[in-house]
């Protein structure tokens, strides 16, 4: 579903050239649970941004459904993000003035889904992630684990085929982090959703079918 082919990504800090990725290749297939581990600054987030149509490579290709993302218009890239991909961020990225229900519902509003369908899908996902009693709660009244569950539900609400998770357990304690990983593994198995993690959390590694290591922009298995 996603194919990364010999990707190089570099940028400049002042006059200094920084190579974030150097000849990276990998493939994401349906229903896979994949981890990309490595220290901070190794290029993990850059790789997820490229797979998520948030950036384009300097060299090489990122293909989603056999389409070269570098050749797509901004509108087509946005359509891929909205319909094919879901995102989970370590800082949750919830909208503080919206309730849990409204945060999860928001991507469906952007897609123009009818009110009745939005309500059904949000309530179903709130139940799936164990938050059926928290629909009206706001992010600042919820624990870190609860906020991450809202973020997971928001990522899944558009029924994406691939979810990109950038350090999803970084701001969680070990017990809550394990609960979140268990939940995502169940979702992957039941719905066939692929999950790709960037992480330096060793707890994630036993959950993954494939573990890549990214160091100094080079990917190895």
Protein backbone atom coordinates (compact mmCIF):
# COMPACT_ATOMS: atom_id res chain seq x y z
CA UNK A 1 0.00 0.00 0.00
CA UNK A 2 2.93 2.31 0.72
CA UNK A 3 6.31 1.85 -0.94
CA UNK A 4 9.38 3.93 -0.11
CA UNK A 5 12.09 3.58 -2.76
CA UNK A 6 15.67 4.79 -2.23
CA UNK A 7 14.51 7.96 -0.52
CA UNK A 8 16.91 10.75 0.35
CA UNK A 9 15.76 13.77 2.31
CA UNK A 10 17.99 16.68 3.22
CA UNK A 11 17.48 20.22 4.40
CA UNK A 12 19.63 23.15 5.45
CA UNK A 13 20.27 24.71 8.83
CA UNK A 14 21.84 27.97 7.80
CA UNK A 15 24.76 26.95 5.58
CA UNK A 16 24.90 23.41 6.95
CA UNK A 17 23.34 20.58 4.96
CA UNK A 18 21.56 17.99 7.11
CA UNK A 19 20.82 14.56 5.61
CA UNK A 20 17.74 13.27 7.46
CA UNK A 21 17.26 10.15 5.30
CA UNK A 22 19.88 8.50 3.11
CA UNK A 23 18.69 5.86 0.65
CA UNK A 24 15.75 4.52 2.69
CA UNK A 25 13.52 1.77 1.27
CA UNK A 26 10.62 -0.14 2.84
CA UNK A 27 7.13 -1.37 2.05
CA UNK A 28 3.91 -1.30 4.09
CA UNK A 29 1.35 -4.00 3.37
CA UNK A 30 -2.22 -4.46 4.59
CA UNK A 31 -2.70 -5.24 8.29
CA UNK A 32 0.96 -4.94 9.25
CA UNK A 33 2.24 -3.69 12.60
CA UNK A 34 5.62 -2.08 11.92
CA UNK A 35 8.03 -0.23 14.21
CA UNK A 36 10.81 2.13 13.19
CA UNK A 37 13.12 2.58 16.17
CA UNK A 38 16.05 4.91 16.64
CA UNK A 39 17.35 7.77 18.77
CA UNK A 40 15.97 11.30 18.63
CA UNK A 41 17.11 13.06 15.47
CA UNK A 42 17.62 9.83 13.53
CA UNK A 43 15.02 10.70 10.87
CA UNK A 44 12.02 8.73 12.18
CA UNK A 45 9.55 11.61 12.10
CA UNK A 46 10.84 12.72 8.69
CA UNK A 47 10.12 9.24 7.32
CA UNK A 48 6.56 9.31 8.70
CA UNK A 49 5.99 12.78 7.26
CA UNK A 50 7.02 11.54 3.83
CA UNK A 51 4.74 8.50 4.06
CA UNK A 52 1.97 10.77 5.28
CA UNK A 53 2.12 13.21 2.33
CA UNK A 54 3.25 15.99 4.67
CA UNK A 55 6.52 16.36 2.77
CA UNK A 56 8.21 15.10 -0.40
CA UNK A 57 11.65 13.47 -0.76
CA UNK A 58 14.70 15.22 -2.13
CA UNK A 59 15.46 12.08 -4.15
CA UNK A 60 13.72 8.74 -4.59
CA UNK A 61 10.00 7.99 -4.50
CA UNK A 62 7.21 7.48 -2.00
CA UNK A 63 4.31 5.63 -3.61
CA UNK A 64 0.86 5.28 -2.09
CA UNK A 65 -1.48 2.94 -3.94
CA UNK A 66 1.16 2.96 -6.71
CA UNK A 67 0.97 6.76 -7.06
CA UNK A 68 4.18 8.79 -6.75
CA UNK A 69 3.29 11.36 -4.08
CA UNK A 70 5.81 13.88 -5.46
CA UNK A 71 3.80 14.06 -8.67
CA UNK A 72 0.45 14.68 -6.98
CA UNK A 73 -1.13 18.11 -6.60
CA UNK A 74 -1.70 19.53 -3.13
CA UNK A 75 -5.38 18.64 -3.47
CA UNK A 76 -4.64 15.02 -4.38
CA UNK A 77 -2.18 14.72 -1.50
CA UNK A 78 -4.81 16.13 0.85
CA UNK A 79 -7.34 13.58 -0.43
CA UNK A 80 -4.90 10.75 0.31
CA UNK A 81 -4.33 12.05 3.83
CA UNK A 82 -8.06 12.38 4.47
CA UNK A 83 -9.19 9.06 3.02
CA UNK A 84 -6.25 6.66 3.22
CA UNK A 85 -4.15 7.75 6.20
CA UNK A 86 -4.61 8.37 9.90
CA UNK A 87 -2.18 10.16 12.23
CA UNK A 88 -1.41 9.75 15.93
CA UNK A 89 0.99 12.22 17.52
CA UNK A 90 2.93 12.00 20.79
CA UNK A 91 1.50 15.35 21.93
CA UNK A 92 -2.07 14.17 21.09
CA UNK A 93 -2.77 17.35 19.00
CA UNK A 94 -6.36 17.56 20.25
CA UNK A 95 -8.31 20.79 19.90
CA UNK A 96 -8.74 22.06 23.48
CA UNK A 97 -12.07 23.85 22.91
CA UNK A 98 -13.70 20.71 21.48
CA UNK A 99 -15.03 17.78 23.48
CA UNK A 100 -13.81 14.23 22.96
CA UNK A 101 -16.79 13.59 20.68
CA UNK A 102 -16.13 16.76 18.67
CA UNK A 103 -12.40 16.07 18.32
CA UNK A 104 -13.13 12.62 16.90
CA UNK A 105 -15.93 13.94 14.70
CA UNK A 106 -13.89 16.76 13.15
CA UNK A 107 -12.31 14.81 10.23
CA UNK A 108 -15.80 13.67 9.19
CA UNK A 109 -16.97 17.28 9.09
CA UNK A 110 -14.15 17.99 6.65
CA UNK A 111 -15.36 15.10 4.50
CA UNK A 112 -18.97 16.32 4.51
CA UNK A 113 -20.36 13.19 6.18
CA UNK A 114 -23.98 13.54 7.30
CA UNK A 115 -24.77 14.30 10.94
CA UNK A 116 -26.46 10.95 11.63
CA UNK A 117 -23.56 8.97 10.17
CA UNK A 118 -21.06 11.07 12.12
CA UNK A 119 -22.88 10.41 15.36
CA UNK A 120 -23.08 6.67 14.77
CA UNK A 121 -19.42 6.32 13.83
CA UNK A 122 -18.10 8.49 16.67
CA UNK A 123 -20.18 6.71 19.31
CA UNK A 124 -19.06 3.33 17.99
CA UNK A 125 -15.40 4.35 18.14
CA UNK A 126 -15.77 5.85 21.63
CA UNK A 127 -16.97 2.43 22.71
CA UNK A 128 -14.16 0.65 20.87
CA UNK A 129 -11.51 2.70 22.68
CA UNK A 130 -13.22 2.46 26.07
CA UNK A 131 -14.37 6.07 26.33
CA UNK A 132 -18.15 5.77 25.91
CA UNK A 133 -18.68 7.73 29.15
CA UNK A 134 -16.34 10.57 28.16
CA UNK A 135 -17.94 11.95 25.00
CA UNK A 136 -18.58 15.38 26.51
CA UNK A 137 -15.26 15.68 28.35
CA UNK A 138 -12.67 18.23 27.19
CA UNK A 139 -8.97 17.36 26.76
CA UNK A 140 -7.81 19.31 29.82
CA UNK A 141 -10.11 17.23 32.05
CA UNK A 142 -8.78 13.89 30.76
CA UNK A 143 -5.71 11.84 31.63
CA UNK A 144 -2.88 11.29 29.17
CA UNK A 145 -4.13 7.80 28.39
CA UNK A 146 -7.66 9.04 27.78
CA UNK A 147 -6.42 11.81 25.50
CA UNK A 148 -4.36 9.29 23.52
CA UNK A 149 -7.46 7.10 23.15
CA UNK A 150 -9.31 10.11 21.75
CA UNK A 151 -6.40 10.67 19.35
CA UNK A 152 -6.55 7.02 18.25
CA UNK A 153 -10.29 7.25 17.66
CA UNK A 154 -9.81 10.46 15.65
CA UNK A 155 -7.16 8.72 13.53
CA UNK A 156 -9.52 5.81 12.85
CA UNK A 157 -12.76 7.74 12.27
CA UNK A 158 -12.20 8.07 8.51
CA UNK A 159 -11.54 4.30 8.32
CA UNK A 160 -7.97 4.70 7.04
CA UNK A 161 -5.98 1.77 5.73
CA UNK A 162 -2.73 2.96 7.31
CA UNK A 163 -2.19 4.75 10.64
CA UNK A 164 1.11 6.57 11.17
CA UNK A 165 1.95 6.90 14.88
CA UNK A 166 4.79 9.24 15.87
CA UNK A 167 6.06 8.30 19.35
CA UNK A 168 2.50 7.42 20.52
CA UNK A 169 3.57 6.26 24.01
CA UNK A 170 6.17 8.97 24.70
CA UNK A 171 3.94 10.98 27.06
CA UNK A 172 2.35 8.00 28.80
CA UNK A 173 3.35 5.99 31.86
CA UNK A 174 4.37 2.36 31.27
CA UNK A 175 1.02 0.81 32.27
CA UNK A 176 -1.04 3.22 30.14
CA UNK A 177 1.41 2.83 27.26
CA UNK A 178 0.94 -0.93 27.30
CA UNK A 179 -2.86 -0.53 27.36
CA UNK A 180 -2.68 1.76 24.32
CA UNK A 181 -0.46 -0.71 22.44
CA UNK A 182 -2.83 -3.58 23.26
CA UNK A 183 -5.72 -1.51 21.92
CA UNK A 184 -3.94 -0.68 18.65
CA UNK A 185 -2.91 -4.31 18.15
CA UNK A 186 -6.53 -5.43 18.55
CA UNK A 187 -7.69 -2.80 16.06
CA UNK A 188 -5.05 -3.93 13.58
CA UNK A 189 -6.09 -7.57 13.87
CA UNK A 190 -9.84 -6.92 13.76
CA UNK A 191 -9.98 -4.23 11.08
CA UNK A 192 -6.91 -5.03 8.98
CA UNK A 193 -5.52 -1.54 9.60
CA UNK A 194 -1.76 -1.18 9.18
CA UNK A 195 0.11 0.69 11.93
CA UNK A 196 3.55 2.23 11.46
CA UNK A 197 5.27 3.50 14.61
CA UNK A 198 8.25 5.73 15.03
CA UNK A 199 9.57 5.09 18.52
CA UNK A 200 12.43 4.77 20.94
CA UNK A 201 10.14 2.97 23.43
CA UNK A 202 11.27 -0.67 23.84
CA UNK A 203 7.74 -1.70 24.86
CA UNK A 204 6.55 -1.35 21.27
CA UNK A 205 9.10 -3.77 19.80
CA UNK A 206 7.44 -7.07 20.91
CA UNK A 207 4.18 -5.95 19.30
CA UNK A 208 5.70 -5.36 15.87
CA UNK A 209 5.86 -7.89 13.04
CA UNK A 210 8.80 -6.03 11.50
CA UNK A 211 11.24 -3.79 13.35
CA UNK A 212 13.43 -1.34 11.46
CA UNK A 213 16.28 0.64 12.97
CA UNK A 214 16.97 4.13 11.68
CA UNK A 215 20.30 5.69 12.55
CA UNK A 216 22.01 8.63 10.87
CA UNK A 217 19.40 8.49 8.13
CA UNK A 218 20.10 4.83 7.23
CA UNK A 219 17.40 2.15 7.67
CA UNK A 220 18.26 -1.44 8.61
CA UNK A 221 16.35 -4.49 9.84
